[in-house]
Amino acid sequence: MNNIPQFDWSVNQHSQSEVVIKTIKSVEETRQALQLLQQRRVVILILDQLSVEQAQRVVDWMAGGTCAIDGQTFWVSEKTFMFVPNQVAINSKRPSPPSVSPCLKLGNKKIETRQR
């Protein structure tokens, strides 16, 4: 266990927030997006070039990473999501989803949420 590097969150506490907008073309690109989130950047992912199944996989991974750092996941549009670290405040009139990870529904353009 001693080989695991510790990430020093205090390094980024006083830096400006950064928003990264990324179009994901393959599920493998999720790792880069998770690394950006771990660096405490707001990540907006556009998933419209993925199938619904692939997009769901990316959203699940990102939502899990967001939850691990006590952040929040926001649905922006049909296949666009925003993942926000905990030190960034978001003011929205939209109600918060009851689940950590939104569920993309096949054949329907609306987003539903999974119940825990």
PDB file of N, CA and C in Angstrom:
ATOM      1  N   MET A   1       0.814  -1.205   0.000  1.00  0.00           N
ATOM      2  CA  MET A   1       0.000   0.000   0.000  1.00  0.00           C
ATOM      3  C   MET A   1       0.854   1.266   0.000  1.00  0.00           C
ATOM      4  N   ASN A   2       2.107   1.167   0.391  1.00  0.00           N
ATOM      5  CA  ASN A   2       2.972   2.339   0.457  1.00  0.00           C
ATOM      6  C   ASN A   2       3.314   2.884  -0.920  1.00  0.00           C
ATOM      7  N   ASN A   3       3.057   2.122  -1.983  1.00  0.00           N
ATOM      8  CA  ASN A   3       3.384   2.558  -3.337  1.00  0.00           C
ATOM      9  C   ASN A   3       2.332   3.484  -3.929  1.00  0.00           C
ATOM     10  N   ILE A   4       1.211   3.654  -3.253  1.00  0.00           N
ATOM     11  CA  ILE A   4       0.133   4.494  -3.777  1.00  0.00           C
ATOM     12  C   ILE A   4       0.446   5.951  -3.466  1.00  0.00           C
ATOM     13  N   PRO A   5       0.614   6.778  -4.515  1.00  0.00           N
ATOM     14  CA  PRO A   5       0.918   8.193  -4.248  1.00  0.00           C
ATOM     15  C   PRO A   5      -0.288   8.913  -3.653  1.00  0.00           C
ATOM     16  N   GLN A   6      -0.044   9.784  -2.729  1.00  0.00           N
ATOM     17  CA  GLN A   6      -1.094  10.585  -2.114  1.00  0.00           C
ATOM     18  C   GLN A   6      -1.263  11.875  -2.911  1.00  0.00           C
ATOM     19  N   PHE A   7      -2.494  12.219  -3.204  1.00  0.00           N
ATOM     20  CA  PHE A   7      -2.770  13.460  -3.927  1.00  0.00           C
ATOM     21  C   PHE A   7      -2.967  14.572  -2.915  1.00  0.00           C
ATOM     22  N   ASP A   8      -2.248  15.646  -3.067  1.00  0.00           N
ATOM     23  CA  ASP A   8      -2.327  16.777  -2.141  1.00  0.00           C
ATOM     24  C   ASP A   8      -3.378  17.760  -2.649  1.00  0.00           C
ATOM     25  N   TRP A   9      -4.590  17.698  -2.062  1.00  0.00           N
ATOM     26  CA  TRP A   9      -5.684  18.565  -2.491  1.00  0.00           C
ATOM     27  C   TRP A   9      -5.392  20.020  -2.183  1.00  0.00           C
ATOM     28  N   SER A  10      -4.578  20.313  -1.185  1.00  0.00           N
ATOM     29  CA  SER A  10      -4.321  21.696  -0.796  1.00  0.00           C
ATOM     30  C   SER A  10      -3.620  22.478  -1.895  1.00  0.00           C
ATOM     31  N   VAL A  11      -2.922  21.801  -2.793  1.00  0.00           N
ATOM     32  CA  VAL A  11      -2.230  22.480  -3.889  1.00  0.00           C
ATOM     33  C   VAL A  11      -3.213  23.241  -4.758  1.00  0.00           C
ATOM     34  N   ASN A  12      -4.408  22.672  -4.960  1.00  0.00           N
ATOM     35  CA  ASN A  12      -5.388  23.275  -5.862  1.00  0.00           C
ATOM     36  C   ASN A  12      -6.415  24.147  -5.156  1.00  0.00           C
ATOM     37  N   GLN A  13      -6.323  24.289  -3.837  1.00  0.00           N
ATOM     38  CA  GLN A  13      -7.359  25.013  -3.111  1.00  0.00           C
ATOM     39  C   GLN A  13      -7.451  26.481  -3.487  1.00  0.00           C
ATOM     40  N   HIS A  14      -6.343  27.105  -3.817  1.00  0.00           N
ATOM     41  CA  HIS A  14      -6.366  28.535  -4.080  1.00  0.00           C
ATOM     42  C   HIS A  14      -6.274  28.868  -5.570  1.00  0.00           C
ATOM     43  N   SER A  15      -6.266  27.857  -6.419  1.00  0.00           N
ATOM     44  CA  SER A  15      -6.205  28.131  -7.848  1.00  0.00           C
ATOM     45  C   SER A  15      -7.608  28.400  -8.380  1.00  0.00           C
ATOM     46  N   GLN A  16      -7.657  29.031  -9.539  1.00  0.00           N
ATOM     47  CA  GLN A  16      -8.949  29.323 -10.151  1.00  0.00           C
ATOM     48  C   GLN A  16      -9.600  28.033 -10.624  1.00  0.00           C
ATOM     49  N   SER A  17     -10.913  28.024 -10.595  1.00  0.00           N
ATOM     50  CA  SER A  17     -11.640  26.869 -11.104  1.00  0.00           C
ATOM     51  C   SER A  17     -11.531  26.847 -12.616  1.00  0.00           C
ATOM     52  N   GLU A  18     -11.523  25.663 -13.152  1.00  0.00           N
ATOM     53  CA  GLU A  18     -11.439  25.499 -14.594  1.00  0.00           C
ATOM     54  C   GLU A  18     -12.563  24.587 -15.039  1.00  0.00           C
ATOM     55  N   VAL A  19     -13.186  24.919 -16.160  1.00  0.00           N
ATOM     56  CA  VAL A  19     -14.234  24.096 -16.747  1.00  0.00           C
ATOM     57  C   VAL A  19     -13.676  23.500 -18.029  1.00  0.00           C
ATOM     58  N   VAL A  20     -13.754  22.180 -18.124  1.00  0.00           N
ATOM     59  CA  VAL A  20     -13.274  21.481 -19.310  1.00  0.00           C
ATOM     60  C   VAL A  20     -14.478  20.874 -20.012  1.00  0.00           C
ATOM     61  N   ILE A  21     -14.651  21.209 -21.292  1.00  0.00           N
ATOM     62  CA  ILE A  21     -15.724  20.651 -22.108  1.00  0.00           C
ATOM     63  C   ILE A  21     -15.084  19.659 -23.056  1.00  0.00           C
ATOM     64  N   LYS A  22     -15.569  18.422 -23.012  1.00  0.00           N
ATOM     65  CA  LYS A  22     -14.928  17.357 -23.781  1.00  0.00           C
ATOM     66  C   LYS A  22     -15.983  16.522 -24.487  1.00  0.00           C
ATOM     67  N   THR A  23     -15.788  16.303 -25.779  1.00  0.00           N
ATOM     68  CA  THR A  23     -16.632  15.378 -26.526  1.00  0.00           C
ATOM     69  C   THR A  23     -15.980  14.011 -26.462  1.00  0.00           C
ATOM     70  N   ILE A  24     -16.698  13.047 -25.930  1.00  0.00           N
ATOM     71  CA  ILE A  24     -16.188  11.689 -25.790  1.00  0.00           C
ATOM     72  C   ILE A  24     -16.561  10.894 -27.043  1.00  0.00           C
ATOM     73  N   LYS A  25     -15.547  10.331 -27.695  1.00  0.00           N
ATOM     74  CA  LYS A  25     -15.784   9.556 -28.910  1.00  0.00           C
ATOM     75  C   LYS A  25     -15.651   8.055 -28.678  1.00  0.00           C
ATOM     76  N   SER A  26     -15.044   7.691 -27.526  1.00  0.00           N
ATOM     77  CA  SER A  26     -14.937   6.275 -27.165  1.00  0.00           C
ATOM     78  C   SER A  26     -14.943   6.156 -25.645  1.00  0.00           C
ATOM     79  N   VAL A  27     -15.374   5.010 -25.168  1.00  0.00           N
ATOM     80  CA  VAL A  27     -15.458   4.776 -23.725  1.00  0.00           C
ATOM     81  C   VAL A  27     -14.081   4.915 -23.078  1.00  0.00           C
ATOM     82  N   GLU A  28     -13.032   4.560 -23.809  1.00  0.00           N
ATOM     83  CA  GLU A  28     -11.671   4.626 -23.280  1.00  0.00           C
ATOM     84  C   GLU A  28     -11.254   6.037 -22.874  1.00  0.00           C
ATOM     85  N   GLU A  29     -11.871   7.059 -23.432  1.00  0.00           N
ATOM     86  CA  GLU A  29     -11.531   8.450 -23.099  1.00  0.00           C
ATOM     87  C   GLU A  29     -12.038   8.858 -21.714  1.00  0.00           C
ATOM     88  N   THR A  30     -12.824   8.002 -21.092  1.00  0.00           N
ATOM     89  CA  THR A  30     -13.372   8.304 -19.766  1.00  0.00           C
ATOM     90  C   THR A  30     -12.263   8.470 -18.737  1.00  0.00           C
ATOM     91  N   ARG A  31     -11.190   7.720 -18.868  1.00  0.00           N
ATOM     92  CA  ARG A  31     -10.076   7.803 -17.924  1.00  0.00           C
ATOM     93  C   ARG A  31      -9.522   9.229 -17.865  1.00  0.00           C
ATOM     94  N   GLN A  32      -9.355   9.868 -19.030  1.00  0.00           N
ATOM     95  CA  GLN A  32      -8.854  11.249 -19.062  1.00  0.00           C
ATOM     96  C   GLN A  32      -9.819  12.193 -18.360  1.00  0.00           C
ATOM     97  N   ALA A  33     -11.108  11.995 -18.591  1.00  0.00           N
ATOM     98  CA  ALA A  33     -12.113  12.854 -17.956  1.00  0.00           C
ATOM     99  C   ALA A  33     -12.107  12.661 -16.445  1.00  0.00           C
ATOM    100  N   LEU A  34     -11.936  11.424 -15.980  1.00  0.00           N
ATOM    101  CA  LEU A  34     -11.858  11.157 -14.541  1.00  0.00           C
ATOM    102  C   LEU A  34     -10.622  11.817 -13.926  1.00  0.00           C
ATOM    103  N   GLN A  35      -9.524  11.826 -14.656  1.00  0.00           N
ATOM    104  CA  GLN A  35      -8.308  12.484 -14.165  1.00  0.00           C
ATOM    105  C   GLN A  35      -8.517  13.987 -14.035  1.00  0.00           C
ATOM    106  N   LEU A  36      -9.227  14.582 -14.974  1.00  0.00           N
ATOM    107  CA  LEU A  36      -9.541  16.014 -14.881  1.00  0.00           C
ATOM    108  C   LEU A  36     -10.394  16.294 -13.653  1.00  0.00           C
ATOM    109  N   LEU A  37     -11.364  15.436 -13.410  1.00  0.00           N
ATOM    110  CA  LEU A  37     -12.228  15.584 -12.245  1.00  0.00           C
ATOM    111  C   LEU A  37     -11.424  15.433 -10.957  1.00  0.00           C
ATOM    112  N   GLN A  38     -10.496  14.487 -10.938  1.00  0.00           N
ATOM    113  CA  GLN A  38      -9.651  14.284  -9.764  1.00  0.00           C
ATOM    114  C   GLN A  38      -8.776  15.515  -9.498  1.00  0.00           C
ATOM    115  N   GLN A  39      -8.457  16.259 -10.556  1.00  0.00           N
ATOM    116  CA  GLN A  39      -7.687  17.492 -10.422  1.00  0.00           C
ATOM    117  C   GLN A  39      -8.584  18.667 -10.029  1.00  0.00           C
ATOM    118  N   ARG A  40      -9.826  18.339  -9.668  1.00  0.00           N
ATOM    119  CA  ARG A  40     -10.820  19.310  -9.191  1.00  0.00           C
ATOM    120  C   ARG A  40     -11.256  20.300 -10.265  1.00  0.00           C
ATOM    121  N   ARG A  41     -11.318  19.834 -11.494  1.00  0.00           N
ATOM    122  CA  ARG A  41     -11.857  20.654 -12.582  1.00  0.00           C
ATOM    123  C   ARG A  41     -13.308  20.263 -12.810  1.00  0.00           C
ATOM    124  N   VAL A  42     -14.121  21.222 -13.207  1.00  0.00           N
ATOM    125  CA  VAL A  42     -15.492  20.933 -13.626  1.00  0.00           C
ATOM    126  C   VAL A  42     -15.381  20.318 -15.021  1.00  0.00           C
ATOM    127  N   VAL A  43     -16.047  19.182 -15.218  1.00  0.00           N
ATOM    128  CA  VAL A  43     -15.959  18.474 -16.497  1.00  0.00           C
ATOM    129  C   VAL A  43     -17.352  18.382 -17.102  1.00  0.00           C
ATOM    130  N   ILE A  44     -17.481  18.901 -18.315  1.00  0.00           N
ATOM    131  CA  ILE A  44     -18.724  18.773 -19.077  1.00  0.00           C
ATOM    132  C   ILE A  44     -18.436  17.810 -20.218  1.00  0.00           C
ATOM    133  N   LEU A  45     -19.194  16.709 -20.237  1.00  0.00           N
ATOM    134  CA  LEU A  45     -18.995  15.697 -21.269  1.00  0.00           C
ATOM    135  C   LEU A  45     -20.158  15.686 -22.244  1.00  0.00           C
ATOM    136  N   ILE A  46     -19.815  15.714 -23.516  1.00  0.00           N
ATOM    137  CA  ILE A  46     -20.788  15.602 -24.598  1.00  0.00           C
ATOM    138  C   ILE A  46     -20.655  14.175 -25.131  1.00  0.00           C
ATOM    139  N   LEU A  47     -21.722  13.411 -25.005  1.00  0.00           N
ATOM    140  CA  LEU A  47     -21.683  11.983 -25.304  1.00  0.00           C
ATOM    141  C   LEU A  47     -22.489  11.610 -26.538  1.00  0.00           C
ATOM    142  N   ASP A  48     -22.820  12.576 -27.382  1.00  0.00           N
ATOM    143  CA  ASP A  48     -23.715  12.312 -28.510  1.00  0.00           C
ATOM    144  C   ASP A  48     -23.098  11.443 -29.605  1.00  0.00           C
ATOM    145  N   GLN A  49     -21.805  11.175 -29.551  1.00  0.00           N
ATOM    146  CA  GLN A  49     -21.183  10.314 -30.552  1.00  0.00           C
ATOM    147  C   GLN A  49     -21.099   8.858 -30.090  1.00  0.00           C
ATOM    148  N   LEU A  50     -21.667   8.588 -28.910  1.00  0.00           N
ATOM    149  CA  LEU A  50     -21.675   7.240 -28.356  1.00  0.00           C
ATOM    150  C   LEU A  50     -23.075   6.647 -28.430  1.00  0.00           C
ATOM    151  N   SER A  51     -23.134   5.320 -28.434  1.00  0.00           N
ATOM    152  CA  SER A  51     -24.439   4.667 -28.329  1.00  0.00           C
ATOM    153  C   SER A  51     -24.979   4.920 -26.925  1.00  0.00           C
ATOM    154  N   VAL A  52     -26.246   4.647 -26.720  1.00  0.00           N
ATOM    155  CA  VAL A  52     -26.852   4.855 -25.406  1.00  0.00           C
ATOM    156  C   VAL A  52     -26.157   3.983 -24.362  1.00  0.00           C
ATOM    157  N   GLU A  53     -25.833   2.742 -24.728  1.00  0.00           N
ATOM    158  CA  GLU A  53     -25.159   1.841 -23.784  1.00  0.00           C
ATOM    159  C   GLU A  53     -23.776   2.372 -23.404  1.00  0.00           C
ATOM    160  N   GLN A  54     -23.015   2.842 -24.397  1.00  0.00           N
ATOM    161  CA  GLN A  54     -21.685   3.384 -24.121  1.00  0.00           C
ATOM    162  C   GLN A  54     -21.782   4.664 -23.293  1.00  0.00           C
ATOM    163  N   ALA A  55     -22.732   5.518 -23.639  1.00  0.00           N
ATOM    164  CA  ALA A  55     -22.913   6.765 -22.896  1.00  0.00           C
ATOM    165  C   ALA A  55     -23.283   6.469 -21.446  1.00  0.00           C
ATOM    166  N   GLN A  56     -24.135   5.460 -21.226  1.00  0.00           N
ATOM    167  CA  GLN A  56     -24.517   5.087 -19.868  1.00  0.00           C
ATOM    168  C   GLN A  56     -23.307   4.614 -19.077  1.00  0.00           C
ATOM    169  N   ARG A  57     -22.448   3.858 -19.717  1.00  0.00           N
ATOM    170  CA  ARG A  57     -21.234   3.372 -19.059  1.00  0.00           C
ATOM    171  C   ARG A  57     -20.343   4.536 -18.628  1.00  0.00           C
ATOM    172  N   VAL A  58     -20.160   5.506 -19.525  1.00  0.00           N
ATOM    173  CA  VAL A  58     -19.344   6.688 -19.216  1.00  0.00           C
ATOM    174  C   VAL A  58     -19.969   7.468 -18.058  1.00  0.00           C
ATOM    175  N   VAL A  59     -21.280   7.684 -18.106  1.00  0.00           N
ATOM    176  CA  VAL A  59     -21.967   8.426 -17.044  1.00  0.00           C
ATOM    177  C   VAL A  59     -21.828   7.695 -15.713  1.00  0.00           C
ATOM    178  N   ASP A  60     -21.959   6.378 -15.721  1.00  0.00           N
ATOM    179  CA  ASP A  60     -21.817   5.608 -14.481  1.00  0.00           C
ATOM    180  C   ASP A  60     -20.416   5.748 -13.900  1.00  0.00           C
ATOM    181  N   TRP A  61     -19.396   5.633 -14.734  1.00  0.00           N
ATOM    182  CA  TRP A  61     -18.018   5.769 -14.250  1.00  0.00           C
ATOM    183  C   TRP A  61     -17.760   7.164 -13.707  1.00  0.00           C
ATOM    184  N   MET A  62     -18.207   8.166 -14.461  1.00  0.00           N
ATOM    185  CA  MET A  62     -17.970   9.554 -14.043  1.00  0.00           C
ATOM    186  C   MET A  62     -18.755   9.882 -12.776  1.00  0.00           C
ATOM    187  N   ALA A  63     -19.986   9.407 -12.687  1.00  0.00           N
ATOM    188  CA  ALA A  63     -20.792   9.667 -11.497  1.00  0.00           C
ATOM    189  C   ALA A  63     -20.170   9.005 -10.272  1.00  0.00           C
ATOM    190  N   GLY A  64     -19.611   7.815 -10.456  1.00  0.00           N
ATOM    191  CA  GLY A  64     -18.930   7.149  -9.355  1.00  0.00           C
ATOM    192  C   GLY A  64     -17.711   7.932  -8.891  1.00  0.00           C
ATOM    193  N   GLY A  65     -16.919   8.422  -9.851  1.00  0.00           N
ATOM    194  CA  GLY A  65     -15.754   9.239  -9.510  1.00  0.00           C
ATOM    195  C   GLY A  65     -16.151  10.549  -8.854  1.00  0.00           C
ATOM    196  N   THR A  66     -17.234  11.129  -9.307  1.00  0.00           N
ATOM    197  CA  THR A  66     -17.740  12.374  -8.736  1.00  0.00           C
ATOM    198  C   THR A  66     -18.216  12.151  -7.306  1.00  0.00           C
ATOM    199  N   CYS A  67     -18.916  11.063  -7.095  1.00  0.00           N
ATOM    200  CA  CYS A  67     -19.400  10.715  -5.752  1.00  0.00           C
ATOM    201  C   CYS A  67     -18.221  10.472  -4.808  1.00  0.00           C
ATOM    202  N   ALA A  68     -17.157   9.860  -5.317  1.00  0.00           N
ATOM    203  CA  ALA A  68     -15.987   9.550  -4.487  1.00  0.00           C
ATOM    204  C   ALA A  68     -15.311  10.811  -3.948  1.00  0.00           C
ATOM    205  N   ILE A  69     -15.427  11.917  -4.670  1.00  0.00           N
ATOM    206  CA  ILE A  69     -14.839  13.175  -4.197  1.00  0.00           C
ATOM    207  C   ILE A  69     -15.912  14.108  -3.637  1.00  0.00           C
ATOM    208  N   ASP A  70     -17.077  13.540  -3.346  1.00  0.00           N
ATOM    209  CA  ASP A  70     -18.192  14.282  -2.752  1.00  0.00           C
ATOM    210  C   ASP A  70     -18.674  15.411  -3.661  1.00  0.00           C
ATOM    211  N   GLY A  71     -18.644  15.163  -4.970  1.00  0.00           N
ATOM    212  CA  GLY A  71     -19.094  16.157  -5.935  1.00  0.00           C
ATOM    213  C   GLY A  71     -20.536  15.928  -6.353  1.00  0.00           C
ATOM    214  N   GLN A  72     -20.924  16.556  -7.454  1.00  0.00           N
ATOM    215  CA  GLN A  72     -22.297  16.451  -7.945  1.00  0.00           C
ATOM    216  C   GLN A  72     -22.304  16.204  -9.444  1.00  0.00           C
ATOM    217  N   THR A  73     -23.330  15.474  -9.899  1.00  0.00           N
ATOM    218  CA  THR A  73     -23.545  15.207 -11.310  1.00  0.00           C
ATOM    219  C   THR A  73     -24.787  15.966 -11.758  1.00  0.00           C
ATOM    220  N   PHE A  74     -24.692  16.667 -12.890  1.00  0.00           N
ATOM    221  CA  PHE A  74     -25.827  17.425 -13.421  1.00  0.00           C
ATOM    222  C   PHE A  74     -26.093  17.013 -14.857  1.00  0.00           C
ATOM    223  N   TRP A  75     -27.359  16.803 -15.171  1.00  0.00           N
ATOM    224  CA  TRP A  75     -27.784  16.568 -16.539  1.00  0.00           C
ATOM    225  C   TRP A  75     -27.967  17.925 -17.203  1.00  0.00           C
ATOM    226  N   VAL A  76     -27.307  18.127 -18.347  1.00  0.00           N
ATOM    227  CA  VAL A  76     -27.400  19.397 -19.066  1.00  0.00           C
ATOM    228  C   VAL A  76     -28.381  19.275 -20.226  1.00  0.00           C
ATOM    229  N   SER A  77     -28.206  18.244 -21.047  1.00  0.00           N
ATOM    230  CA  SER A  77     -29.125  17.975 -22.149  1.00  0.00           C
ATOM    231  C   SER A  77     -29.072  16.482 -22.452  1.00  0.00           C
ATOM    232  N   GLU A  78     -29.734  16.060 -23.518  1.00  0.00           N
ATOM    233  CA  GLU A  78     -29.928  14.634 -23.802  1.00  0.00           C
ATOM    234  C   GLU A  78     -28.701  13.762 -23.521  1.00  0.00           C
ATOM    235  N   LYS A  79     -27.568  14.076 -24.062  1.00  0.00           N
ATOM    236  CA  LYS A  79     -26.346  13.295 -23.820  1.00  0.00           C
ATOM    237  C   LYS A  79     -25.199  14.218 -23.403  1.00  0.00           C
ATOM    238  N   THR A  80     -25.507  15.198 -22.581  1.00  0.00           N
ATOM    239  CA  THR A  80     -24.488  16.105 -22.066  1.00  0.00           C
ATOM    240  C   THR A  80     -24.646  16.185 -20.549  1.00  0.00           C
ATOM    241  N   PHE A  81     -23.541  15.953 -19.850  1.00  0.00           N
ATOM    242  CA  PHE A  81     -23.549  15.928 -18.391  1.00  0.00           C
ATOM    243  C   PHE A  81     -22.410  16.769 -17.844  1.00  0.00           C
ATOM    244  N   MET A  82     -22.640  17.330 -16.664  1.00  0.00           N
ATOM    245  CA  MET A  82     -21.626  18.120 -15.990  1.00  0.00           C
ATOM    246  C   MET A  82     -21.298  17.439 -14.664  1.00  0.00           C
ATOM    247  N   PHE A  83     -20.007  17.259 -14.413  1.00  0.00           N
ATOM    248  CA  PHE A  83     -19.514  16.628 -13.191  1.00  0.00           C
ATOM    249  C   PHE A  83     -18.708  17.676 -12.437  1.00  0.00           C
ATOM    250  N   VAL A  84     -19.109  17.942 -11.194  1.00  0.00           N
ATOM    251  CA  VAL A  84     -18.596  19.086 -10.446  1.00  0.00           C
ATOM    252  C   VAL A  84     -17.967  18.615  -9.137  1.00  0.00           C
ATOM    253  N   PRO A  85     -16.708  18.999  -8.889  1.00  0.00           N
ATOM    254  CA  PRO A  85     -16.096  18.662  -7.595  1.00  0.00           C
ATOM    255  C   PRO A  85     -16.762  19.432  -6.463  1.00  0.00           C
ATOM    256  N   ASN A  86     -16.536  18.982  -5.231  1.00  0.00           N
ATOM    257  CA  ASN A  86     -17.278  19.539  -4.096  1.00  0.00           C
ATOM    258  C   ASN A  86     -16.946  20.983  -3.756  1.00  0.00           C
ATOM    259  N   GLN A  87     -15.810  21.518  -4.182  1.00  0.00           N
ATOM    260  CA  GLN A  87     -15.495  22.894  -3.806  1.00  0.00           C
ATOM    261  C   GLN A  87     -16.122  23.921  -4.759  1.00  0.00           C
ATOM    262  N   VAL A  88     -16.875  23.464  -5.743  1.00  0.00           N
ATOM    263  CA  VAL A  88     -17.543  24.357  -6.686  1.00  0.00           C
ATOM    264  C   VAL A  88     -19.032  24.370  -6.373  1.00  0.00           C
ATOM    265  N   ALA A  89     -19.574  25.562  -6.158  1.00  0.00           N
ATOM    266  CA  ALA A  89     -21.006  25.693  -5.871  1.00  0.00           C
ATOM    267  C   ALA A  89     -21.760  25.922  -7.179  1.00  0.00           C
ATOM    268  N   ILE A  90     -22.847  25.204  -7.350  1.00  0.00           N
ATOM    269  CA  ILE A  90     -23.708  25.356  -8.527  1.00  0.00           C
ATOM    270  C   ILE A  90     -25.067  25.831  -8.038  1.00  0.00           C
ATOM    271  N   ASN A  91     -25.520  26.942  -8.581  1.00  0.00           N
ATOM    272  CA  ASN A  91     -26.854  27.449  -8.268  1.00  0.00           C
ATOM    273  C   ASN A  91     -27.766  27.103  -9.433  1.00  0.00           C
ATOM    274  N   SER A  92     -28.768  26.286  -9.162  1.00  0.00           N
ATOM    275  CA  SER A  92     -29.673  25.844 -10.209  1.00  0.00           C
ATOM    276  C   SER A  92     -31.089  25.768  -9.657  1.00  0.00           C
ATOM    277  N   LYS A  93     -32.055  26.109 -10.494  1.00  0.00           N
ATOM    278  CA  LYS A  93     -33.449  25.975 -10.098  1.00  0.00           C
ATOM    279  C   LYS A  93     -33.975  24.576 -10.395  1.00  0.00           C
ATOM    280  N   ARG A  94     -33.167  23.771 -11.116  1.00  0.00           N
ATOM    281  CA  ARG A  94     -33.535  22.387 -11.383  1.00  0.00           C
ATOM    282  C   ARG A  94     -33.428  21.582 -10.104  1.00  0.00           C
ATOM    283  N   PRO A  95     -34.366  20.671  -9.865  1.00  0.00           N
ATOM    284  CA  PRO A  95     -34.246  19.825  -8.670  1.00  0.00           C
ATOM    285  C   PRO A  95     -33.068  18.864  -8.823  1.00  0.00           C
ATOM    286  N   SER A  96     -32.436  18.531  -7.714  1.00  0.00           N
ATOM    287  CA  SER A  96     -31.334  17.571  -7.733  1.00  0.00           C
ATOM    288  C   SER A  96     -31.883  16.184  -8.006  1.00  0.00           C
ATOM    289  N   PRO A  97     -31.165  15.372  -8.802  1.00  0.00           N
ATOM    290  CA  PRO A  97     -31.655  14.014  -9.056  1.00  0.00           C
ATOM    291  C   PRO A  97     -31.585  13.187  -7.780  1.00  0.00           C
ATOM    292  N   PRO A  98     -32.521  12.242  -7.607  1.00  0.00           N
ATOM    293  CA  PRO A  98     -32.529  11.420  -6.401  1.00  0.00           C
ATOM    294  C   PRO A  98     -31.437  10.354  -6.408  1.00  0.00           C
ATOM    295  N   SER A  99     -30.723  10.195  -7.522  1.00  0.00           N
ATOM    296  CA  SER A  99     -29.707   9.168  -7.648  1.00  0.00           C
ATOM    297  C   SER A  99     -28.370   9.789  -7.999  1.00  0.00           C
ATOM    298  N   VAL A 100     -27.301   9.088  -7.665  1.00  0.00           N
ATOM    299  CA  VAL A 100     -25.957   9.556  -7.994  1.00  0.00           C
ATOM    300  C   VAL A 100     -25.726   9.542  -9.493  1.00  0.00           C
ATOM    301  N   SER A 101     -26.201   8.493 -10.178  1.00  0.00           N
ATOM    302  CA  SER A 101     -25.956   8.330 -11.612  1.00  0.00           C
ATOM    303  C   SER A 101     -27.258   8.339 -12.397  1.00  0.00           C
ATOM    304  N   PRO A 102     -27.422   9.315 -13.297  1.00  0.00           N
ATOM    305  CA  PRO A 102     -28.623   9.342 -14.141  1.00  0.00           C
ATOM    306  C   PRO A 102     -28.670   8.128 -15.061  1.00  0.00           C
ATOM    307  N   CYS A 103     -29.852   7.730 -15.446  1.00  0.00           N
ATOM    308  CA  CYS A 103     -30.033   6.585 -16.336  1.00  0.00           C
ATOM    309  C   CYS A 103     -30.560   7.087 -17.677  1.00  0.00           C
ATOM    310  N   LEU A 104     -29.830   6.803 -18.748  1.00  0.00           N
ATOM    311  CA  LEU A 104     -30.272   7.156 -20.089  1.00  0.00           C
ATOM    312  C   LEU A 104     -31.277   6.110 -20.536  1.00  0.00           C
ATOM    313  N   LYS A 105     -32.427   6.538 -21.008  1.00  0.00           N
ATOM    314  CA  LYS A 105     -33.487   5.596 -21.364  1.00  0.00           C
ATOM    315  C   LYS A 105     -33.485   5.359 -22.871  1.00  0.00           C
ATOM    316  N   LEU A 106     -33.475   4.097 -23.285  1.00  0.00           N
ATOM    317  CA  LEU A 106     -33.500   3.734 -24.702  1.00  0.00           C
ATOM    318  C   LEU A 106     -34.798   4.165 -25.373  1.00  0.00           C
ATOM    319  N   GLY A 107     -34.683   4.644 -26.589  1.00  0.00           N
ATOM    320  CA  GLY A 107     -35.853   4.956 -27.385  1.00  0.00           C
ATOM    321  C   GLY A 107     -36.623   6.183 -26.944  1.00  0.00           C
ATOM    322  N   ASN A 108     -36.190   6.838 -25.925  1.00  0.00           N
ATOM    323  CA  ASN A 108     -36.888   8.010 -25.436  1.00  0.00           C
ATOM    324  C   ASN A 108     -35.851   9.093 -25.182  1.00  0.00           C
ATOM    325  N   LYS A 109     -36.143  10.294 -25.513  1.00  0.00           N
ATOM    326  CA  LYS A 109     -35.156  11.347 -25.388  1.00  0.00           C
ATOM    327  C   LYS A 109     -35.141  12.003 -24.025  1.00  0.00           C
ATOM    328  N   LYS A 110     -35.902  11.473 -23.093  1.00  0.00           N
ATOM    329  CA  LYS A 110     -35.871  12.072 -21.773  1.00  0.00           C
ATOM    330  C   LYS A 110     -34.970  11.265 -20.849  1.00  0.00           C
ATOM    331  N   ILE A 111     -34.486  11.907 -19.836  1.00  0.00           N
ATOM    332  CA  ILE A 111     -33.605  11.273 -18.876  1.00  0.00           C
ATOM    333  C   ILE A 111     -34.410  10.880 -17.641  1.00  0.00           C
ATOM    334  N   GLU A 112     -34.209   9.669 -17.182  1.00  0.00           N
ATOM    335  CA  GLU A 112     -34.826   9.228 -15.946  1.00  0.00           C
ATOM    336  C   GLU A 112     -33.710   8.937 -14.962  1.00  0.00           C
ATOM    337  N   THR A 113     -34.030   8.878 -13.705  1.00  0.00           N
ATOM    338  CA  THR A 113     -33.015   8.579 -12.718  1.00  0.00           C
ATOM    339  C   THR A 113     -33.297   7.244 -12.071  1.00  0.00           C
ATOM    340  N   ARG A 114     -32.222   6.565 -11.705  1.00  0.00           N
ATOM    341  CA  ARG A 114     -32.347   5.283 -11.016  1.00  0.00           C
ATOM    342  C   ARG A 114     -32.663   5.523  -9.555  1.00  0.00           C
ATOM    343  N   GLN A 115     -33.449   4.651  -8.996  1.00  0.00           N
ATOM    344  CA  GLN A 115     -33.711   4.702  -7.559  1.00  0.00           C
ATOM    345  C   GLN A 115     -32.640   3.891  -6.863  1.00  0.00           C
ATOM    346  N   ARG A 116     -32.155   4.364  -5.742  1.00  0.00           N
ATOM    347  CA  ARG A 116     -31.157   3.609  -4.979  1.00  0.00           C
ATOM    348  C   ARG A 116     -31.800   2.500  -4.224  1.00  0.00           C
TER     349      ARG A 116
END
